[in-house]
Amino acid sequence: MKALNATALILIIVGGLNWGLVGLFDFNLVSAIFGIDSWLTNLIYILVGIAAIYGFVLLKPVMNSASETHSHSR
């Protein structure tokens, strides 16, 4: 499970950095590396999207843990 979490986090970071480059410099790193509209570029985008959805699933336990920690500190 740790490997899946790490992989998802890496993909989310890659996606975030790519969007940052697009927003700041109008430069799409994924397309530059794998080609515009190639199947590999599309696969990367799909994997980043799946990782983001998985990130939402991971967020709930983290938020619950944080709220429990906060309520115990009072």
Protein backbone atom coordinates (compact mmCIF):
# COMPACT_ATOMS: atom_id res chain seq x y z
CA MET A 1 0.00 0.00 0.00
CA LYS A 2 2.89 2.36 0.70
CA ALA A 3 4.15 1.92 -2.86
CA LEU A 4 0.71 2.81 -4.24
CA ASN A 5 0.55 5.91 -2.03
CA ALA A 6 4.03 6.99 -3.08
CA THR A 7 3.25 6.43 -6.76
CA ALA A 8 0.03 8.42 -6.48
CA LEU A 9 1.84 11.25 -4.72
CA ILE A 10 4.55 11.36 -7.39
CA LEU A 11 1.94 11.47 -10.15
CA ILE A 12 0.03 14.25 -8.37
CA ILE A 13 3.26 16.24 -8.04
CA VAL A 14 4.10 15.67 -11.72
CA GLY A 15 0.62 16.88 -12.67
CA GLY A 16 0.87 19.93 -10.43
CA LEU A 17 4.29 20.88 -11.75
CA ASN A 18 3.11 20.43 -15.32
CA TRP A 19 0.08 22.68 -14.72
CA GLY A 20 2.37 25.23 -13.07
CA LEU A 21 4.60 25.27 -16.15
CA VAL A 22 1.56 25.60 -18.42
CA GLY A 23 0.22 28.49 -16.35
CA LEU A 24 3.51 30.34 -15.96
CA PHE A 25 5.24 29.73 -19.27
CA ASP A 26 2.64 28.13 -21.56
CA PHE A 27 4.94 25.09 -21.65
CA ASN A 28 3.58 21.56 -21.37
CA LEU A 29 6.44 19.36 -20.19
CA VAL A 30 4.53 16.09 -20.62
CA SER A 31 3.75 16.93 -24.26
CA ALA A 32 7.32 18.10 -24.82
CA ILE A 33 8.71 14.78 -23.58
CA PHE A 34 6.15 12.32 -24.99
CA GLY A 35 4.70 14.25 -27.95
CA ILE A 36 1.55 16.24 -28.47
CA ASP A 37 -1.56 14.03 -28.47
CA SER A 38 0.45 10.81 -28.36
CA TRP A 39 -1.01 7.77 -26.64
CA LEU A 40 1.75 7.97 -24.03
CA THR A 41 0.92 11.60 -23.23
CA ASN A 42 -2.74 10.66 -22.87
CA LEU A 43 -1.77 7.74 -20.63
CA ILE A 44 0.23 10.06 -18.36
CA TYR A 45 -2.76 12.43 -18.11
CA ILE A 46 -5.08 9.51 -17.29
CA LEU A 47 -2.70 8.20 -14.61
CA VAL A 48 -2.37 11.68 -13.06
CA GLY A 49 -6.18 11.95 -13.00
CA ILE A 50 -6.55 8.54 -11.34
CA ALA A 51 -3.87 9.52 -8.82
CA ALA A 52 -5.80 12.71 -8.01
CA ILE A 53 -8.98 10.72 -7.41
CA TYR A 54 -7.00 8.34 -5.19
CA GLY A 55 -5.63 11.41 -3.38
CA PHE A 56 -9.19 12.40 -2.48
CA VAL A 57 -9.71 8.93 -1.01
CA LEU A 58 -6.53 9.33 1.07
CA LEU A 59 -7.53 12.81 2.21
CA LYS A 60 -10.45 11.64 4.37
CA PRO A 61 -8.36 9.52 6.80
CA VAL A 62 -5.79 12.30 7.01
CA MET A 63 -8.45 14.89 7.82
CA ASN A 64 -10.07 12.56 10.38
CA SER A 65 -6.70 11.96 12.01
CA ALA A 66 -5.97 15.68 12.12
CA SER A 67 -9.34 16.50 13.68
CA GLU A 68 -8.88 13.76 16.31
CA THR A 69 -5.44 15.09 17.16
CA HIS A 70 -6.81 18.62 17.42
CA SER A 71 -9.73 17.58 19.65
CA HIS A 72 -7.41 15.62 21.99
CA SER A 73 -5.13 18.61 22.46
CA ARG A 74 -7.87 20.71 24.10
